[in-house]
Amino acid sequence: MGPLLALLGLLLAVLVGAALLQLSVAGANRLAGGSPAAPRRDRDLESEWDKWDWDEWDDDRAPFEDEPVRAKGLIPKPNLGVGMAVVFLTAAIGVLAFVLLNFALMDLSGRRHRDQSAAAFLFTLPIAYFAMSAMLVGFLPTTFRRALLVALVFALSVLAFFLSVGALIFVLSAMLR
């Protein structure tokens, strides 16, 4: 039962992270000076062709309207799968960097210091930040500069999310006393 709950918790965390990443892309697009990218829609080809009569098959008009084109320089919003992949891989790189830094900060005798984990966590933050930026460049058609902006907005939104959840838990615990 424990591993199943851990897996469900991980899935929920990655889903929330992907939703925050989508919001971060929209926020970064606004900060960069544009409006959010126009969503692309999948079309049912058969229903579009049903609107045309057979007499009009040789008309010069195209049966489909043009796809909306996103404004120049804007970052397209990632779909949920791409967002989950970026968040999961960033978290995996962060955990790996944290473990390796913990090993690197040990004494030669193999002993750990009291404040070693805090230092390793602080060194892990920029590693995860640049890893997320590099993955956004790889997964989305964007520049590294805009990916850095998205990663910054994502970090701030994650911080705001944890602060709001912590405040909610604090208020609920105070009310239950």
N, C-alpha and C. Protein backbone atom coordinates (compact mmCIF):
# COMPACT_ATOMS: atom_id res chain seq x y z
N MET A 1 0.82 -1.19 0.00
CA MET A 1 0.00 0.00 0.00
C MET A 1 0.86 1.25 0.00
N GLY A 2 2.00 1.22 0.70
CA GLY A 2 2.89 2.37 0.79
C GLY A 2 3.48 2.79 -0.54
N PRO A 3 4.02 1.85 -1.34
CA PRO A 3 4.58 2.25 -2.63
C PRO A 3 3.52 2.80 -3.59
N LEU A 4 2.31 2.27 -3.50
CA LEU A 4 1.25 2.77 -4.37
C LEU A 4 0.90 4.22 -4.01
N LEU A 5 0.83 4.52 -2.71
CA LEU A 5 0.54 5.89 -2.29
C LEU A 5 1.68 6.83 -2.66
N ALA A 6 2.91 6.34 -2.57
CA ALA A 6 4.05 7.17 -2.97
C ALA A 6 4.01 7.45 -4.47
N LEU A 7 3.64 6.47 -5.26
CA LEU A 7 3.54 6.66 -6.71
C LEU A 7 2.42 7.62 -7.06
N LEU A 8 1.28 7.51 -6.38
CA LEU A 8 0.18 8.45 -6.61
C LEU A 8 0.55 9.86 -6.18
N GLY A 9 1.29 9.98 -5.07
CA GLY A 9 1.76 11.30 -4.63
C GLY A 9 2.72 11.91 -5.63
N LEU A 10 3.62 11.10 -6.19
CA LEU A 10 4.55 11.58 -7.20
C LEU A 10 3.80 12.03 -8.46
N LEU A 11 2.80 11.25 -8.87
CA LEU A 11 2.00 11.61 -10.04
C LEU A 11 1.26 12.92 -9.81
N LEU A 12 0.69 13.09 -8.62
CA LEU A 12 -0.01 14.33 -8.30
C LEU A 12 0.95 15.51 -8.28
N ALA A 13 2.12 15.32 -7.71
CA ALA A 13 3.11 16.40 -7.67
C ALA A 13 3.57 16.80 -9.07
N VAL A 14 3.77 15.82 -9.93
CA VAL A 14 4.20 16.12 -11.30
C VAL A 14 3.07 16.79 -12.08
N LEU A 15 1.83 16.38 -11.83
CA LEU A 15 0.68 17.02 -12.49
C LEU A 15 0.54 18.47 -12.06
N VAL A 16 0.65 18.74 -10.77
CA VAL A 16 0.58 20.12 -10.28
C VAL A 16 1.73 20.93 -10.84
N GLY A 17 2.91 20.34 -10.90
CA GLY A 17 4.07 21.02 -11.47
C GLY A 17 3.87 21.34 -12.95
N ALA A 18 3.25 20.43 -13.69
CA ALA A 18 2.99 20.68 -15.11
C ALA A 18 1.98 21.81 -15.28
N ALA A 19 0.97 21.85 -14.43
CA ALA A 19 0.00 22.94 -14.49
C ALA A 19 0.67 24.28 -14.15
N LEU A 20 1.55 24.26 -13.15
CA LEU A 20 2.28 25.49 -12.82
C LEU A 20 3.23 25.89 -13.94
N LEU A 21 3.78 24.92 -14.66
CA LEU A 21 4.65 25.24 -15.79
C LEU A 21 3.86 25.91 -16.91
N GLN A 22 2.65 25.43 -17.16
CA GLN A 22 1.81 26.07 -18.17
C GLN A 22 1.47 27.51 -17.77
N LEU A 23 1.16 27.72 -16.51
CA LEU A 23 0.91 29.08 -16.03
C LEU A 23 2.17 29.93 -16.11
N SER A 24 3.31 29.33 -15.86
CA SER A 24 4.57 30.06 -15.93
C SER A 24 4.90 30.50 -17.35
N VAL A 25 4.59 29.67 -18.32
CA VAL A 25 4.82 30.04 -19.71
C VAL A 25 3.92 31.22 -20.09
N ALA A 26 2.66 31.18 -19.65
CA ALA A 26 1.76 32.30 -19.93
C ALA A 26 2.25 33.57 -19.24
N GLY A 27 2.71 33.44 -18.00
CA GLY A 27 3.24 34.61 -17.29
C GLY A 27 4.51 35.14 -17.92
N ALA A 28 5.38 34.27 -18.38
CA ALA A 28 6.61 34.70 -19.03
C ALA A 28 6.31 35.38 -20.36
N ASN A 29 5.30 34.89 -21.07
CA ASN A 29 4.90 35.55 -22.32
C ASN A 29 4.39 36.96 -22.04
N ARG A 30 3.64 37.12 -20.96
CA ARG A 30 3.16 38.46 -20.61
C ARG A 30 4.31 39.36 -20.19
N LEU A 31 5.26 38.83 -19.43
CA LEU A 31 6.41 39.63 -19.02
C LEU A 31 7.29 40.01 -20.21
N ALA A 32 7.33 39.15 -21.21
CA ALA A 32 8.15 39.41 -22.39
C ALA A 32 7.49 40.41 -23.33
N GLY A 33 6.24 40.77 -23.04
CA GLY A 33 5.59 41.81 -23.84
C GLY A 33 4.67 41.30 -24.92
N GLY A 34 4.03 40.19 -24.72
CA GLY A 34 3.10 39.68 -25.72
C GLY A 34 1.90 39.07 -25.08
N SER A 35 0.98 38.68 -25.91
CA SER A 35 -0.20 37.99 -25.41
C SER A 35 0.05 36.50 -25.50
N PRO A 36 -0.70 35.70 -24.75
CA PRO A 36 -0.48 34.25 -24.81
C PRO A 36 -0.66 33.72 -26.23
N ALA A 37 0.06 32.64 -26.51
CA ALA A 37 0.02 32.04 -27.84
C ALA A 37 -1.37 31.48 -28.13
N ALA A 38 -1.77 31.58 -29.37
CA ALA A 38 -3.07 31.07 -29.77
C ALA A 38 -3.04 29.55 -29.75
N PRO A 39 -4.04 28.92 -29.14
CA PRO A 39 -4.03 27.47 -29.08
C PRO A 39 -4.33 26.86 -30.44
N ARG A 40 -3.67 25.78 -30.73
CA ARG A 40 -3.95 25.05 -31.97
C ARG A 40 -5.00 23.99 -31.68
N ARG A 41 -5.94 23.88 -32.59
CA ARG A 41 -7.02 22.92 -32.38
C ARG A 41 -6.87 21.76 -33.35
N ASP A 42 -7.18 20.59 -32.86
CA ASP A 42 -7.26 19.44 -33.76
C ASP A 42 -8.65 19.47 -34.39
N ARG A 43 -8.69 19.13 -35.64
CA ARG A 43 -9.96 19.19 -36.34
C ARG A 43 -10.38 17.81 -36.78
N ASP A 44 -11.67 17.63 -36.78
CA ASP A 44 -12.24 16.40 -37.31
C ASP A 44 -12.43 16.62 -38.81
N LEU A 45 -11.60 15.96 -39.61
CA LEU A 45 -11.61 16.20 -41.04
C LEU A 45 -12.94 15.84 -41.68
N GLU A 46 -13.55 14.77 -41.24
CA GLU A 46 -14.78 14.33 -41.86
C GLU A 46 -15.90 15.34 -41.65
N SER A 47 -15.99 15.94 -40.47
CA SER A 47 -17.06 16.89 -40.22
C SER A 47 -16.85 18.17 -41.02
N GLU A 48 -15.61 18.58 -41.27
CA GLU A 48 -15.35 19.75 -42.09
C GLU A 48 -15.75 19.51 -43.55
N TRP A 49 -15.46 18.30 -44.05
CA TRP A 49 -15.80 18.01 -45.44
C TRP A 49 -17.31 17.84 -45.60
N ASP A 50 -18.00 17.46 -44.55
CA ASP A 50 -19.45 17.31 -44.65
C ASP A 50 -20.15 18.64 -44.86
N LYS A 51 -19.52 19.75 -44.54
CA LYS A 51 -20.14 21.06 -44.70
C LYS A 51 -20.18 21.49 -46.16
N TRP A 52 -19.37 20.88 -47.00
CA TRP A 52 -19.28 21.28 -48.40
C TRP A 52 -20.20 20.42 -49.26
N ASP A 53 -20.82 21.05 -50.22
CA ASP A 53 -21.62 20.29 -51.19
C ASP A 53 -20.69 19.71 -52.23
N TRP A 54 -21.17 18.66 -52.89
CA TRP A 54 -20.36 18.05 -53.93
C TRP A 54 -20.23 18.95 -55.14
N ASP A 55 -21.15 19.90 -55.29
CA ASP A 55 -21.07 20.82 -56.42
C ASP A 55 -19.93 21.82 -56.26
N GLU A 56 -19.49 22.01 -55.04
CA GLU A 56 -18.46 23.01 -54.78
C GLU A 56 -17.07 22.39 -54.67
N TRP A 57 -16.87 21.18 -55.09
CA TRP A 57 -15.61 20.50 -54.88
C TRP A 57 -14.46 21.13 -55.64
N ASP A 58 -14.76 21.84 -56.74
CA ASP A 58 -13.68 22.43 -57.52
C ASP A 58 -13.55 23.93 -57.31
N ASP A 59 -14.21 24.47 -56.31
CA ASP A 59 -14.09 25.90 -56.02
C ASP A 59 -12.67 26.22 -55.57
N ASP A 60 -12.31 27.47 -55.70
CA ASP A 60 -10.97 27.91 -55.31
C ASP A 60 -10.82 28.05 -53.80
N ARG A 61 -11.91 28.02 -53.08
CA ARG A 61 -11.83 28.20 -51.64
C ARG A 61 -11.29 26.94 -50.97
N ALA A 62 -10.52 27.14 -49.95
CA ALA A 62 -10.00 26.01 -49.18
C ALA A 62 -11.05 25.58 -48.16
N PRO A 63 -11.25 24.29 -47.98
CA PRO A 63 -12.29 23.83 -47.05
C PRO A 63 -11.92 24.02 -45.58
N PHE A 64 -10.66 24.31 -45.29
CA PHE A 64 -10.23 24.47 -43.90
C PHE A 64 -9.71 25.88 -43.71
N GLU A 65 -10.03 26.45 -42.56
CA GLU A 65 -9.46 27.76 -42.25
C GLU A 65 -8.00 27.57 -41.85
N ASP A 66 -7.23 28.62 -41.96
CA ASP A 66 -5.81 28.55 -41.66
C ASP A 66 -5.60 28.35 -40.16
N GLU A 67 -4.50 27.67 -39.84
CA GLU A 67 -4.13 27.48 -38.44
C GLU A 67 -3.73 28.83 -37.85
N PRO A 68 -4.09 29.09 -36.60
CA PRO A 68 -3.64 30.34 -35.99
C PRO A 68 -2.12 30.31 -35.80
N VAL A 69 -1.51 31.40 -36.12
CA VAL A 69 -0.06 31.49 -36.01
C VAL A 69 0.26 32.27 -34.74
N ARG A 70 1.20 31.74 -33.95
CA ARG A 70 1.55 32.43 -32.72
C ARG A 70 2.42 33.63 -33.06
N ALA A 71 2.32 34.63 -32.20
CA ALA A 71 3.09 35.84 -32.43
C ALA A 71 4.58 35.54 -32.35
N LYS A 72 5.36 36.36 -33.05
CA LYS A 72 6.79 36.13 -33.11
C LYS A 72 7.42 36.30 -31.73
N GLY A 73 8.25 35.34 -31.32
CA GLY A 73 8.97 35.44 -30.08
C GLY A 73 8.25 34.88 -28.88
N LEU A 74 6.99 34.54 -29.00
CA LEU A 74 6.27 34.00 -27.85
C LEU A 74 6.54 32.51 -27.70
N ILE A 75 6.52 32.07 -26.47
CA ILE A 75 6.78 30.66 -26.17
C ILE A 75 5.46 29.92 -26.23
N PRO A 76 5.37 28.84 -26.98
CA PRO A 76 4.11 28.09 -27.01
C PRO A 76 3.87 27.37 -25.68
N LYS A 77 2.62 27.32 -25.28
CA LYS A 77 2.29 26.66 -24.03
C LYS A 77 2.47 25.15 -24.21
N PRO A 78 3.22 24.52 -23.30
CA PRO A 78 3.42 23.07 -23.45
C PRO A 78 2.16 22.31 -23.09
N ASN A 79 1.94 21.20 -23.77
CA ASN A 79 0.80 20.38 -23.38
C ASN A 79 1.12 19.67 -22.08
N LEU A 80 0.16 18.96 -21.54
CA LEU A 80 0.33 18.37 -20.21
C LEU A 80 1.45 17.33 -20.18
N GLY A 81 1.57 16.53 -21.23
CA GLY A 81 2.61 15.50 -21.27
C GLY A 81 4.01 16.10 -21.30
N VAL A 82 4.21 17.12 -22.11
CA VAL A 82 5.52 17.78 -22.18
C VAL A 82 5.81 18.46 -20.85
N GLY A 83 4.82 19.10 -20.26
CA GLY A 83 5.01 19.74 -18.96
C GLY A 83 5.38 18.74 -17.88
N MET A 84 4.71 17.59 -17.88
CA MET A 84 5.03 16.55 -16.89
C MET A 84 6.44 16.02 -17.10
N ALA A 85 6.85 15.85 -18.35
CA ALA A 85 8.20 15.37 -18.64
C ALA A 85 9.25 16.37 -18.16
N VAL A 86 9.02 17.65 -18.42
CA VAL A 86 9.99 18.68 -18.01
C VAL A 86 10.09 18.73 -16.49
N VAL A 87 8.94 18.71 -15.81
CA VAL A 87 8.94 18.79 -14.34
C VAL A 87 9.58 17.54 -13.74
N PHE A 88 9.25 16.37 -14.26
CA PHE A 88 9.82 15.13 -13.71
C PHE A 88 11.32 15.07 -13.92
N LEU A 89 11.78 15.40 -15.13
CA LEU A 89 13.22 15.35 -15.40
C LEU A 89 13.98 16.39 -14.59
N THR A 90 13.38 17.57 -14.41
CA THR A 90 14.02 18.59 -13.58
C THR A 90 14.15 18.11 -12.14
N ALA A 91 13.09 17.50 -11.62
CA ALA A 91 13.13 16.97 -10.25
C ALA A 91 14.15 15.85 -10.13
N ALA A 92 14.23 14.98 -11.14
CA ALA A 92 15.21 13.88 -11.10
C ALA A 92 16.63 14.42 -11.12
N ILE A 93 16.90 15.43 -11.94
CA ILE A 93 18.24 16.03 -11.97
C ILE A 93 18.53 16.72 -10.65
N GLY A 94 17.53 17.38 -10.07
CA GLY A 94 17.73 18.04 -8.78
C GLY A 94 18.04 17.05 -7.67
N VAL A 95 17.33 15.94 -7.63
CA VAL A 95 17.58 14.92 -6.60
C VAL A 95 18.96 14.30 -6.80
N LEU A 96 19.32 14.01 -8.03
CA LEU A 96 20.64 13.45 -8.30
C LEU A 96 21.74 14.42 -7.90
N ALA A 97 21.57 15.70 -8.22
CA ALA A 97 22.56 16.71 -7.84
C ALA A 97 22.65 16.84 -6.32
N PHE A 98 21.51 16.76 -5.62
CA PHE A 98 21.50 16.85 -4.17
C PHE A 98 22.27 15.69 -3.54
N VAL A 99 22.02 14.48 -4.05
CA VAL A 99 22.71 13.30 -3.50
C VAL A 99 24.21 13.39 -3.77
N LEU A 100 24.59 13.77 -4.98
CA LEU A 100 26.02 13.86 -5.31
C LEU A 100 26.70 14.97 -4.50
N LEU A 101 26.02 16.09 -4.29
CA LEU A 101 26.61 17.16 -3.49
C LEU A 101 26.72 16.77 -2.02
N ASN A 102 25.77 15.98 -1.52
CA ASN A 102 25.87 15.49 -0.16
C ASN A 102 27.10 14.60 0.00
N PHE A 103 27.35 13.74 -0.98
CA PHE A 103 28.54 12.90 -0.93
C PHE A 103 29.81 13.74 -1.05
N ALA A 104 29.76 14.78 -1.87
CA ALA A 104 30.94 15.62 -2.06
C ALA A 104 31.26 16.44 -0.81
N LEU A 105 30.26 16.76 -0.02
CA LEU A 105 30.48 17.58 1.18
C LEU A 105 30.85 16.77 2.42
N MET A 106 30.91 15.46 2.31
CA MET A 106 31.30 14.64 3.46
C MET A 106 32.78 14.80 3.74
N ASP A 107 33.14 14.52 4.98
CA ASP A 107 34.56 14.50 5.34
C ASP A 107 35.24 13.34 4.64
N LEU A 108 36.54 13.32 4.71
CA LEU A 108 37.27 12.19 4.16
C LEU A 108 36.97 10.91 4.92
N SER A 109 36.59 11.06 6.18
CA SER A 109 36.27 9.88 6.98
C SER A 109 34.85 9.37 6.69
N GLY A 110 34.07 10.11 5.91
CA GLY A 110 32.71 9.67 5.58
C GLY A 110 31.65 10.20 6.53
N ARG A 111 32.02 11.11 7.42
CA ARG A 111 31.03 11.66 8.35
C ARG A 111 30.30 12.83 7.72
N ARG A 112 29.05 12.97 8.11
CA ARG A 112 28.24 14.09 7.63
C ARG A 112 28.24 15.20 8.68
N HIS A 113 28.16 16.42 8.19
CA HIS A 113 28.05 17.55 9.09
C HIS A 113 26.58 17.88 9.32
N ARG A 114 26.33 18.66 10.36
CA ARG A 114 24.95 18.99 10.71
C ARG A 114 24.25 19.81 9.64
N ASP A 115 24.91 20.83 9.14
CA ASP A 115 24.29 21.73 8.17
C ASP A 115 24.67 21.38 6.73
N GLN A 116 25.07 20.18 6.50
CA GLN A 116 25.49 19.76 5.17
C GLN A 116 24.33 19.72 4.19
N SER A 117 23.17 19.25 4.61
CA SER A 117 22.04 19.13 3.70
C SER A 117 21.54 20.49 3.23
N ALA A 118 21.58 21.49 4.10
CA ALA A 118 21.14 22.82 3.70
C ALA A 118 22.07 23.40 2.63
N ALA A 119 23.36 23.20 2.80
CA ALA A 119 24.31 23.68 1.80
C ALA A 119 24.14 22.95 0.48
N ALA A 120 23.93 21.65 0.54
CA ALA A 120 23.72 20.88 -0.69
C ALA A 120 22.43 21.32 -1.39
N PHE A 121 21.40 21.62 -0.61
CA PHE A 121 20.14 22.08 -1.20
C PHE A 121 20.34 23.43 -1.89
N LEU A 122 21.06 24.34 -1.26
CA LEU A 122 21.30 25.66 -1.86
C LEU A 122 22.13 25.56 -3.14
N PHE A 123 23.07 24.62 -3.18
CA PHE A 123 23.85 24.43 -4.41
C PHE A 123 23.03 23.72 -5.49
N THR A 124 22.01 22.98 -5.08
CA THR A 124 21.19 22.25 -6.04
C THR A 124 20.23 23.18 -6.79
N LEU A 125 19.80 24.27 -6.16
CA LEU A 125 18.82 25.16 -6.79
C LEU A 125 19.26 25.71 -8.14
N PRO A 126 20.48 26.27 -8.27
CA PRO A 126 20.88 26.75 -9.60
C PRO A 126 21.05 25.63 -10.61
N ILE A 127 21.44 24.46 -10.15
CA ILE A 127 21.58 23.32 -11.07
C ILE A 127 20.23 22.95 -11.65
N ALA A 128 19.21 22.87 -10.79
CA ALA A 128 17.86 22.55 -11.27
C ALA A 128 17.30 23.67 -12.15
N TYR A 129 17.62 24.91 -11.82
CA TYR A 129 17.16 26.06 -12.61
C TYR A 129 17.69 25.99 -14.03
N PHE A 130 18.99 25.77 -14.17
CA PHE A 130 19.56 25.69 -15.51
C PHE A 130 19.16 24.40 -16.23
N ALA A 131 18.93 23.33 -15.49
CA ALA A 131 18.47 22.08 -16.11
C ALA A 131 17.08 22.28 -16.70
N MET A 132 16.19 22.96 -15.95
CA MET A 132 14.85 23.22 -16.47
C MET A 132 14.92 24.12 -17.70
N SER A 133 15.77 25.12 -17.67
CA SER A 133 15.91 26.01 -18.83
C SER A 133 16.40 25.25 -20.05
N ALA A 134 17.37 24.37 -19.87
CA ALA A 134 17.88 23.58 -20.99
C ALA A 134 16.81 22.64 -21.54
N MET A 135 16.02 22.05 -20.64
CA MET A 135 14.96 21.15 -21.12
C MET A 135 13.86 21.92 -21.84
N LEU A 136 13.54 23.12 -21.38
CA LEU A 136 12.54 23.92 -22.08
C LEU A 136 13.01 24.28 -23.48
N VAL A 137 14.29 24.55 -23.64
CA VAL A 137 14.83 24.81 -24.98
C VAL A 137 14.71 23.56 -25.84
N GLY A 138 14.94 22.40 -25.24
CA GLY A 138 14.86 21.15 -25.99
C GLY A 138 13.44 20.74 -26.34
N PHE A 139 12.50 20.96 -25.42
CA PHE A 139 11.13 20.52 -25.64
C PHE A 139 10.27 21.53 -26.37
N LEU A 140 10.56 22.81 -26.22
CA LEU A 140 9.74 23.86 -26.82
C LEU A 140 10.60 24.66 -27.81
N PRO A 141 9.98 25.19 -28.84
CA PRO A 141 10.76 26.04 -29.76
C PRO A 141 10.94 27.43 -29.15
N THR A 142 11.96 27.60 -28.36
CA THR A 142 12.22 28.87 -27.70
C THR A 142 13.72 29.07 -27.55
N THR A 143 14.09 30.26 -27.15
CA THR A 143 15.50 30.57 -26.94
C THR A 143 15.86 30.29 -25.48
N PHE A 144 17.16 30.24 -25.21
CA PHE A 144 17.60 29.97 -23.84
C PHE A 144 17.24 31.14 -22.92
N ARG A 145 17.29 32.34 -23.44
CA ARG A 145 16.94 33.51 -22.64
C ARG A 145 15.49 33.46 -22.19
N ARG A 146 14.59 33.12 -23.09
CA ARG A 146 13.17 33.01 -22.71
C ARG A 146 12.92 31.81 -21.80
N ALA A 147 13.68 30.75 -22.00
CA ALA A 147 13.55 29.59 -21.11
C ALA A 147 14.01 29.93 -19.70
N LEU A 148 15.03 30.77 -19.57
CA LEU A 148 15.45 31.23 -18.25
C LEU A 148 14.34 32.03 -17.57
N LEU A 149 13.63 32.84 -18.35
CA LEU A 149 12.52 33.61 -17.80
C LEU A 149 11.39 32.69 -17.34
N VAL A 150 11.08 31.67 -18.14
CA VAL A 150 10.03 30.72 -17.75
C VAL A 150 10.44 29.98 -16.48
N ALA A 151 11.69 29.56 -16.39
CA ALA A 151 12.16 28.84 -15.20
C ALA A 151 12.10 29.74 -13.97
N LEU A 152 12.40 31.03 -14.12
CA LEU A 152 12.32 31.96 -13.00
C LEU A 152 10.87 32.13 -12.54
N VAL A 153 9.97 32.32 -13.50
CA VAL A 153 8.54 32.46 -13.16
C VAL A 153 8.03 31.16 -12.53
N PHE A 154 8.51 30.02 -13.02
CA PHE A 154 8.11 28.73 -12.44
C PHE A 154 8.59 28.61 -11.00
N ALA A 155 9.84 29.00 -10.74
CA ALA A 155 10.38 28.92 -9.37
C ALA A 155 9.58 29.83 -8.43
N LEU A 156 9.24 31.01 -8.90
CA LEU A 156 8.45 31.92 -8.06
C LEU A 156 7.03 31.40 -7.84
N SER A 157 6.45 30.77 -8.86
CA SER A 157 5.10 30.23 -8.69
C SER A 157 5.10 29.00 -7.78
N VAL A 158 6.15 28.18 -7.82
CA VAL A 158 6.26 27.05 -6.89
C VAL A 158 6.42 27.56 -5.47
N LEU A 159 7.22 28.60 -5.29
CA LEU A 159 7.38 29.19 -3.97
C LEU A 159 6.05 29.74 -3.45
N ALA A 160 5.32 30.44 -4.31
CA ALA A 160 4.01 30.98 -3.91
C ALA A 160 3.03 29.85 -3.60
N PHE A 161 3.09 28.76 -4.36
CA PHE A 161 2.21 27.62 -4.11
C PHE A 161 2.49 27.01 -2.74
N PHE A 162 3.78 26.78 -2.43
CA PHE A 162 4.11 26.19 -1.13
C PHE A 162 3.78 27.13 0.02
N LEU A 163 3.98 28.42 -0.17
CA LEU A 163 3.62 29.38 0.87
C LEU A 163 2.12 29.41 1.12
N SER A 164 1.33 29.34 0.05
CA SER A 164 -0.13 29.36 0.22
C SER A 164 -0.63 28.05 0.84
N VAL A 165 -0.06 26.92 0.46
CA VAL A 165 -0.46 25.65 1.08
C VAL A 165 -0.04 25.63 2.54
N GLY A 166 1.15 26.14 2.85
CA GLY A 166 1.59 26.22 4.24
C GLY A 166 0.71 27.14 5.07
N ALA A 167 0.30 28.26 4.50
CA ALA A 167 -0.59 29.17 5.22
C ALA A 167 -1.95 28.53 5.45
N LEU A 168 -2.43 27.79 4.45
CA LEU A 168 -3.71 27.10 4.60
C LEU A 168 -3.64 26.04 5.70
N ILE A 169 -2.56 25.28 5.74
CA ILE A 169 -2.39 24.27 6.79
C ILE A 169 -2.28 24.93 8.16
N PHE A 170 -1.57 26.05 8.23
CA PHE A 170 -1.45 26.77 9.50
C PHE A 170 -2.80 27.27 10.00
N VAL A 171 -3.61 27.84 9.10
CA VAL A 171 -4.92 28.35 9.48
C VAL A 171 -5.83 27.21 9.90
N LEU A 172 -5.82 26.12 9.16
CA LEU A 172 -6.67 24.98 9.52
C LEU A 172 -6.26 24.35 10.84
N SER A 173 -4.96 24.27 11.11
CA SER A 173 -4.51 23.71 12.37
C SER A 173 -4.85 24.63 13.53
N ALA A 174 -4.81 25.93 13.30
CA ALA A 174 -5.17 26.88 14.35
C ALA A 174 -6.67 26.84 14.63
N MET A 175 -7.47 26.58 13.61
CA MET A 175 -8.92 26.51 13.81
C MET A 175 -9.34 25.24 14.52
N LEU A 176 -8.57 24.16 14.37
CA LEU A 176 -8.93 22.88 14.97
C LEU A 176 -8.49 22.77 16.43
N ARG A 177 -7.73 23.71 16.94
CA ARG A 177 -7.27 23.64 18.33
C ARG A 177 -8.34 24.04 19.27
